[in-house]
Protein backbone atom coordinates (compact mmCIF):
# COMPACT_ATOMS: atom_id res chain seq x y z
CA UNK A 1 0.00 0.00 0.00
CA UNK A 2 1.37 3.38 -0.97
CA UNK A 3 1.36 6.30 1.49
CA UNK A 4 -1.35 8.03 -0.57
CA UNK A 5 -3.55 4.94 -0.36
CA UNK A 6 -2.99 4.80 3.40
CA UNK A 7 -4.07 8.42 3.76
CA UNK A 8 -7.13 7.72 1.59
CA UNK A 9 -8.03 4.73 3.75
CA UNK A 10 -7.66 6.78 6.95
CA UNK A 11 -9.85 9.58 5.55
CA UNK A 12 -12.50 7.08 4.40
CA UNK A 13 -12.53 5.41 7.83
CA UNK A 14 -12.84 8.79 9.56
CA UNK A 15 -15.73 9.81 7.30
CA UNK A 16 -17.44 6.47 7.96
CA UNK A 17 -17.17 7.03 11.72
CA UNK A 18 -18.51 10.58 11.35
CA UNK A 19 -21.42 9.32 9.25
CA UNK A 20 -22.22 6.64 11.84
CA UNK A 21 -22.20 9.24 14.60
CA UNK A 22 -24.40 11.60 12.58
CA UNK A 23 -26.82 8.75 11.85
CA UNK A 24 -27.11 7.87 15.55
CA UNK A 25 -27.68 11.51 16.51
CA UNK A 26 -30.23 12.09 13.74
CA UNK A 27 -28.06 14.67 11.99
CA UNK A 28 -27.49 12.84 8.72
CA UNK A 29 -28.90 15.73 6.64
CA UNK A 30 -26.43 18.18 8.18
CA UNK A 31 -23.57 15.73 7.61
CA UNK A 32 -24.51 15.27 3.96
CA UNK A 33 -24.78 19.05 3.44
CA UNK A 34 -21.30 19.46 4.94
CA UNK A 35 -19.96 16.79 2.59
CA UNK A 36 -21.60 18.58 -0.35
CA UNK A 37 -19.95 21.87 0.62
CA UNK A 38 -16.56 20.13 0.84
CA UNK A 39 -17.05 18.50 -2.56
CA UNK A 40 -17.92 21.87 -4.11
CA UNK A 41 -14.90 23.56 -2.53
CA UNK A 42 -12.53 20.81 -3.66
CA UNK A 43 -14.08 20.97 -7.14
CA UNK A 44 -13.49 24.71 -7.26
CA UNK A 45 -9.86 24.29 -6.20
CA UNK A 46 -9.28 21.54 -8.78
CA UNK A 47 -10.92 23.67 -11.48
CA UNK A 48 -8.70 26.66 -10.70
CA UNK A 49 -5.56 24.51 -10.73
CA UNK A 50 -6.58 22.72 -13.95
CA UNK A 51 -7.37 26.06 -15.59
CA UNK A 52 -4.00 27.45 -14.56
CA UNK A 53 -2.15 24.40 -15.86
CA UNK A 54 -4.12 24.44 -19.12
CA UNK A 55 -3.63 28.19 -19.63
CA UNK A 56 0.11 28.18 -18.90
CA UNK A 57 0.79 24.82 -20.50
CA UNK A 58 0.18 26.04 -24.05
PDB file of N, CA and C in Angstrom:
ATOM      1  N   UNK A   1       0.851  -1.170   0.000  1.00  0.00           N
ATOM      2  CA  UNK A   1       0.000   0.000   0.000  1.00  0.00           C
ATOM      3  C   UNK A   1       0.903   1.241   0.000  1.00  0.00           C
ATOM      4  N   UNK A   2       0.588   2.148  -0.901  1.00  0.00           N
ATOM      5  CA  UNK A   2       1.371   3.384  -0.975  1.00  0.00           C
ATOM      6  C   UNK A   2       0.931   4.335   0.138  1.00  0.00           C
ATOM      7  N   UNK A   3       1.755   5.323   0.462  1.00  0.00           N
ATOM      8  CA  UNK A   3       1.355   6.299   1.487  1.00  0.00           C
ATOM      9  C   UNK A   3       0.058   7.030   1.125  1.00  0.00           C
ATOM     10  N   UNK A   4      -0.127   7.337  -0.149  1.00  0.00           N
ATOM     11  CA  UNK A   4      -1.347   8.026  -0.568  1.00  0.00           C
ATOM     12  C   UNK A   4      -2.581   7.147  -0.349  1.00  0.00           C
ATOM     13  N   UNK A   5      -2.445   5.860  -0.612  1.00  0.00           N
ATOM     14  CA  UNK A   5      -3.550   4.936  -0.363  1.00  0.00           C
ATOM     15  C   UNK A   5      -3.845   4.831   1.128  1.00  0.00           C
ATOM     16  N   UNK A   6      -2.806   4.845   1.952  1.00  0.00           N
ATOM     17  CA  UNK A   6      -2.990   4.805   3.403  1.00  0.00           C
ATOM     18  C   UNK A   6      -3.735   6.026   3.904  1.00  0.00           C
ATOM     19  N   UNK A   7      -3.373   7.186   3.375  1.00  0.00           N
ATOM     20  CA  UNK A   7      -4.071   8.418   3.757  1.00  0.00           C
ATOM     21  C   UNK A   7      -5.525   8.348   3.314  1.00  0.00           C
ATOM     22  N   UNK A   8      -5.760   7.866   2.096  1.00  0.00           N
ATOM     23  CA  UNK A   8      -7.127   7.725   1.595  1.00  0.00           C
ATOM     24  C   UNK A   8      -7.954   6.786   2.454  1.00  0.00           C
ATOM     25  N   UNK A   9      -7.342   5.687   2.878  1.00  0.00           N
ATOM     26  CA  UNK A   9      -8.031   4.731   3.747  1.00  0.00           C
ATOM     27  C   UNK A   9      -8.369   5.360   5.096  1.00  0.00           C
ATOM     28  N   UNK A  10      -7.427   6.115   5.659  1.00  0.00           N
ATOM     29  CA  UNK A  10      -7.663   6.777   6.947  1.00  0.00           C
ATOM     30  C   UNK A  10      -8.784   7.808   6.834  1.00  0.00           C
ATOM     31  N   UNK A  11      -8.798   8.577   5.753  1.00  0.00           N
ATOM     32  CA  UNK A  11      -9.849   9.580   5.550  1.00  0.00           C
ATOM     33  C   UNK A  11     -11.202   8.895   5.377  1.00  0.00           C
ATOM     34  N   UNK A  12     -11.242   7.809   4.606  1.00  0.00           N
ATOM     35  CA  UNK A  12     -12.495   7.081   4.405  1.00  0.00           C
ATOM     36  C   UNK A  12     -13.016   6.505   5.720  1.00  0.00           C
ATOM     37  N   UNK A  13     -12.122   5.957   6.539  1.00  0.00           N
ATOM     38  CA  UNK A  13     -12.532   5.410   7.835  1.00  0.00           C
ATOM     39  C   UNK A  13     -13.065   6.513   8.742  1.00  0.00           C
ATOM     40  N   UNK A  14     -12.394   7.662   8.736  1.00  0.00           N
ATOM     41  CA  UNK A  14     -12.837   8.794   9.560  1.00  0.00           C
ATOM     42  C   UNK A  14     -14.217   9.279   9.116  1.00  0.00           C
ATOM     43  N   UNK A  15     -14.426   9.388   7.801  1.00  0.00           N
ATOM     44  CA  UNK A  15     -15.733   9.812   7.298  1.00  0.00           C
ATOM     45  C   UNK A  15     -16.814   8.789   7.638  1.00  0.00           C
ATOM     46  N   UNK A  16     -16.474   7.510   7.594  1.00  0.00           N
ATOM     47  CA  UNK A  16     -17.443   6.474   7.957  1.00  0.00           C
ATOM     48  C   UNK A  16     -17.835   6.589   9.428  1.00  0.00           C
ATOM     49  N   UNK A  17     -16.864   6.853  10.291  1.00  0.00           N
ATOM     50  CA  UNK A  17     -17.172   7.029  11.718  1.00  0.00           C
ATOM     51  C   UNK A  17     -18.011   8.281  11.954  1.00  0.00           C
ATOM     52  N   UNK A  18     -17.701   9.361  11.231  1.00  0.00           N
ATOM     53  CA  UNK A  18     -18.508  10.580  11.354  1.00  0.00           C
ATOM     54  C   UNK A  18     -19.939  10.344  10.880  1.00  0.00           C
ATOM     55  N   UNK A  19     -20.090   9.617   9.775  1.00  0.00           N
ATOM     56  CA  UNK A  19     -21.424   9.319   9.250  1.00  0.00           C
ATOM     57  C   UNK A  19     -22.211   8.465  10.240  1.00  0.00           C
ATOM     58  N   UNK A  20     -21.555   7.496  10.839  1.00  0.00           N
ATOM     59  CA  UNK A  20     -22.224   6.643  11.836  1.00  0.00           C
ATOM     60  C   UNK A  20     -22.695   7.474  13.026  1.00  0.00           C
ATOM     61  N   UNK A  21     -21.840   8.378  13.482  1.00  0.00           N
ATOM     62  CA  UNK A  21     -22.200   9.244  14.602  1.00  0.00           C
ATOM     63  C   UNK A  21     -23.368  10.155  14.233  1.00  0.00           C
ATOM     64  N   UNK A  22     -23.314  10.725  13.024  1.00  0.00           N
ATOM     65  CA  UNK A  22     -24.400  11.603  12.577  1.00  0.00           C
ATOM     66  C   UNK A  22     -25.705  10.823  12.465  1.00  0.00           C
ATOM     67  N   UNK A  23     -25.622   9.587  11.984  1.00  0.00           N
ATOM     68  CA  UNK A  23     -26.816   8.747  11.854  1.00  0.00           C
ATOM     69  C   UNK A  23     -27.443   8.495  13.224  1.00  0.00           C
ATOM     70  N   UNK A  24     -26.610   8.163  14.203  1.00  0.00           N
ATOM     71  CA  UNK A  24     -27.114   7.870  15.547  1.00  0.00           C
ATOM     72  C   UNK A  24     -27.727   9.098  16.204  1.00  0.00           C
ATOM     73  N   UNK A  25     -27.188  10.282  15.896  1.00  0.00           N
ATOM     74  CA  UNK A  25     -27.679  11.514  16.511  1.00  0.00           C
ATOM     75  C   UNK A  25     -28.796  12.164  15.698  1.00  0.00           C
ATOM     76  N   UNK A  26     -29.168  11.553  14.574  1.00  0.00           N
ATOM     77  CA  UNK A  26     -30.234  12.090  13.742  1.00  0.00           C
ATOM     78  C   UNK A  26     -29.834  13.340  12.976  1.00  0.00           C
ATOM     79  N   UNK A  27     -28.556  13.482  12.689  1.00  0.00           N
ATOM     80  CA  UNK A  27     -28.063  14.669  11.990  1.00  0.00           C
ATOM     81  C   UNK A  27     -27.470  14.303  10.634  1.00  0.00           C
ATOM     82  N   UNK A  28     -28.044  13.300   9.991  1.00  0.00           N
ATOM     83  CA  UNK A  28     -27.495  12.844   8.719  1.00  0.00           C
ATOM     84  C   UNK A  28     -27.624  13.915   7.637  1.00  0.00           C
ATOM     85  N   UNK A  29     -28.716  14.670   7.644  1.00  0.00           N
ATOM     86  CA  UNK A  29     -28.902  15.730   6.641  1.00  0.00           C
ATOM     87  C   UNK A  29     -27.799  16.773   6.759  1.00  0.00           C
ATOM     88  N   UNK A  30     -27.487  17.192   7.971  1.00  0.00           N
ATOM     89  CA  UNK A  30     -26.433  18.185   8.184  1.00  0.00           C
ATOM     90  C   UNK A  30     -25.076  17.625   7.746  1.00  0.00           C
ATOM     91  N   UNK A  31     -24.819  16.364   8.031  1.00  0.00           N
ATOM     92  CA  UNK A  31     -23.569  15.727   7.614  1.00  0.00           C
ATOM     93  C   UNK A  31     -23.454  15.703   6.092  1.00  0.00           C
ATOM     94  N   UNK A  32     -24.537  15.334   5.419  1.00  0.00           N
ATOM     95  CA  UNK A  32     -24.510  15.274   3.958  1.00  0.00           C
ATOM     96  C   UNK A  32     -24.332  16.661   3.345  1.00  0.00           C
ATOM     97  N   UNK A  33     -24.950  17.677   3.942  1.00  0.00           N
ATOM     98  CA  UNK A  33     -24.775  19.047   3.444  1.00  0.00           C
ATOM     99  C   UNK A  33     -23.325  19.493   3.618  1.00  0.00           C
ATOM    100  N   UNK A  34     -22.711  19.126   4.719  1.00  0.00           N
ATOM    101  CA  UNK A  34     -21.300  19.460   4.943  1.00  0.00           C
ATOM    102  C   UNK A  34     -20.416  18.764   3.913  1.00  0.00           C
ATOM    103  N   UNK A  35     -20.724  17.514   3.614  1.00  0.00           N
ATOM    104  CA  UNK A  35     -19.965  16.788   2.590  1.00  0.00           C
ATOM    105  C   UNK A  35     -20.138  17.443   1.224  1.00  0.00           C
ATOM    106  N   UNK A  36     -21.351  17.901   0.923  1.00  0.00           N
ATOM    107  CA  UNK A  36     -21.604  18.579  -0.345  1.00  0.00           C
ATOM    108  C   UNK A  36     -20.789  19.863  -0.457  1.00  0.00           C
ATOM    109  N   UNK A  37     -20.736  20.638   0.622  1.00  0.00           N
ATOM    110  CA  UNK A  37     -19.946  21.869   0.625  1.00  0.00           C
ATOM    111  C   UNK A  37     -18.471  21.552   0.387  1.00  0.00           C
ATOM    112  N   UNK A  38     -17.960  20.522   1.043  1.00  0.00           N
ATOM    113  CA  UNK A  38     -16.558  20.132   0.838  1.00  0.00           C
ATOM    114  C   UNK A  38     -16.295  19.698  -0.599  1.00  0.00           C
ATOM    115  N   UNK A  39     -17.212  18.943  -1.171  1.00  0.00           N
ATOM    116  CA  UNK A  39     -17.050  18.500  -2.558  1.00  0.00           C
ATOM    117  C   UNK A  39     -17.017  19.696  -3.496  1.00  0.00           C
ATOM    118  N   UNK A  40     -17.898  20.667  -3.262  1.00  0.00           N
ATOM    119  CA  UNK A  40     -17.918  21.866  -4.105  1.00  0.00           C
ATOM    120  C   UNK A  40     -16.635  22.670  -3.962  1.00  0.00           C
ATOM    121  N   UNK A  41     -16.139  22.821  -2.738  1.00  0.00           N
ATOM    122  CA  UNK A  41     -14.897  23.564  -2.526  1.00  0.00           C
ATOM    123  C   UNK A  41     -13.710  22.867  -3.188  1.00  0.00           C
ATOM    124  N   UNK A  42     -13.616  21.549  -3.018  1.00  0.00           N
ATOM    125  CA  UNK A  42     -12.529  20.809  -3.662  1.00  0.00           C
ATOM    126  C   UNK A  42     -12.646  20.892  -5.182  1.00  0.00           C
ATOM    127  N   UNK A  43     -13.871  20.833  -5.695  1.00  0.00           N
ATOM    128  CA  UNK A  43     -14.079  20.966  -7.139  1.00  0.00           C
ATOM    129  C   UNK A  43     -13.634  22.320  -7.652  1.00  0.00           C
ATOM    130  N   UNK A  44     -13.920  23.365  -6.885  1.00  0.00           N
ATOM    131  CA  UNK A  44     -13.487  24.708  -7.265  1.00  0.00           C
ATOM    132  C   UNK A  44     -11.963  24.801  -7.287  1.00  0.00           C
ATOM    133  N   UNK A  45     -11.326  24.268  -6.260  1.00  0.00           N
ATOM    134  CA  UNK A  45      -9.857  24.294  -6.199  1.00  0.00           C
ATOM    135  C   UNK A  45      -9.257  23.521  -7.371  1.00  0.00           C
ATOM    136  N   UNK A  46      -9.786  22.344  -7.659  1.00  0.00           N
ATOM    137  CA  UNK A  46      -9.280  21.542  -8.776  1.00  0.00           C
ATOM    138  C   UNK A  46      -9.495  22.268 -10.099  1.00  0.00           C
ATOM    139  N   UNK A  47     -10.642  22.925 -10.253  1.00  0.00           N
ATOM    140  CA  UNK A  47     -10.917  23.666 -11.483  1.00  0.00           C
ATOM    141  C   UNK A  47      -9.942  24.815 -11.676  1.00  0.00           C
ATOM    142  N   UNK A  48      -9.652  25.544 -10.609  1.00  0.00           N
ATOM    143  CA  UNK A  48      -8.703  26.655 -10.697  1.00  0.00           C
ATOM    144  C   UNK A  48      -7.316  26.142 -11.071  1.00  0.00           C
ATOM    145  N   UNK A  49      -6.878  25.072 -10.430  1.00  0.00           N
ATOM    146  CA  UNK A  49      -5.555  24.512 -10.733  1.00  0.00           C
ATOM    147  C   UNK A  49      -5.508  23.978 -12.164  1.00  0.00           C
ATOM    148  N   UNK A  50      -6.545  23.262 -12.582  1.00  0.00           N
ATOM    149  CA  UNK A  50      -6.578  22.722 -13.946  1.00  0.00           C
ATOM    150  C   UNK A  50      -6.592  23.851 -14.972  1.00  0.00           C
ATOM    151  N   UNK A  51      -7.349  24.909 -14.693  1.00  0.00           N
ATOM    152  CA  UNK A  51      -7.368  26.058 -15.594  1.00  0.00           C
ATOM    153  C   UNK A  51      -6.012  26.724 -15.689  1.00  0.00           C
ATOM    154  N   UNK A  52      -5.342  26.848 -14.573  1.00  0.00           N
ATOM    155  CA  UNK A  52      -4.003  27.451 -14.558  1.00  0.00           C
ATOM    156  C   UNK A  52      -3.027  26.600 -15.363  1.00  0.00           C
ATOM    157  N   UNK A  53      -3.050  25.303 -15.138  1.00  0.00           N
ATOM    158  CA  UNK A  53      -2.147  24.402 -15.863  1.00  0.00           C
ATOM    159  C   UNK A  53      -2.456  24.435 -17.353  1.00  0.00           C
ATOM    160  N   UNK A  54      -3.727  24.415 -17.712  1.00  0.00           N
ATOM    161  CA  UNK A  54      -4.117  24.443 -19.120  1.00  0.00           C
ATOM    162  C   UNK A  54      -3.702  25.755 -19.765  1.00  0.00           C
ATOM    163  N   UNK A  55      -3.931  26.864 -19.081  1.00  0.00           N
ATOM    164  CA  UNK A  55      -3.630  28.185 -19.631  1.00  0.00           C
ATOM    165  C   UNK A  55      -2.123  28.385 -19.809  1.00  0.00           C
ATOM    166  N   UNK A  56      -1.339  27.961 -18.841  1.00  0.00           N
ATOM    167  CA  UNK A  56       0.106  28.176 -18.897  1.00  0.00           C
ATOM    168  C   UNK A  56       0.849  27.015 -19.554  1.00  0.00           C
ATOM    169  N   UNK A  57       0.149  25.960 -19.882  1.00  0.00           N
ATOM    170  CA  UNK A  57       0.792  24.816 -20.501  1.00  0.00           C
ATOM    171  C   UNK A  57       0.830  24.886 -22.016  1.00  0.00           C
ATOM    172  N   UNK A  58       0.238  25.934 -22.592  1.00  0.00           N
ATOM    173  CA  UNK A  58       0.184  26.036 -24.053  1.00  0.00           C
ATOM    174  C   UNK A  58       1.476  26.501 -24.636  1.00  0.00           C
TER     175      UNK A  58
END
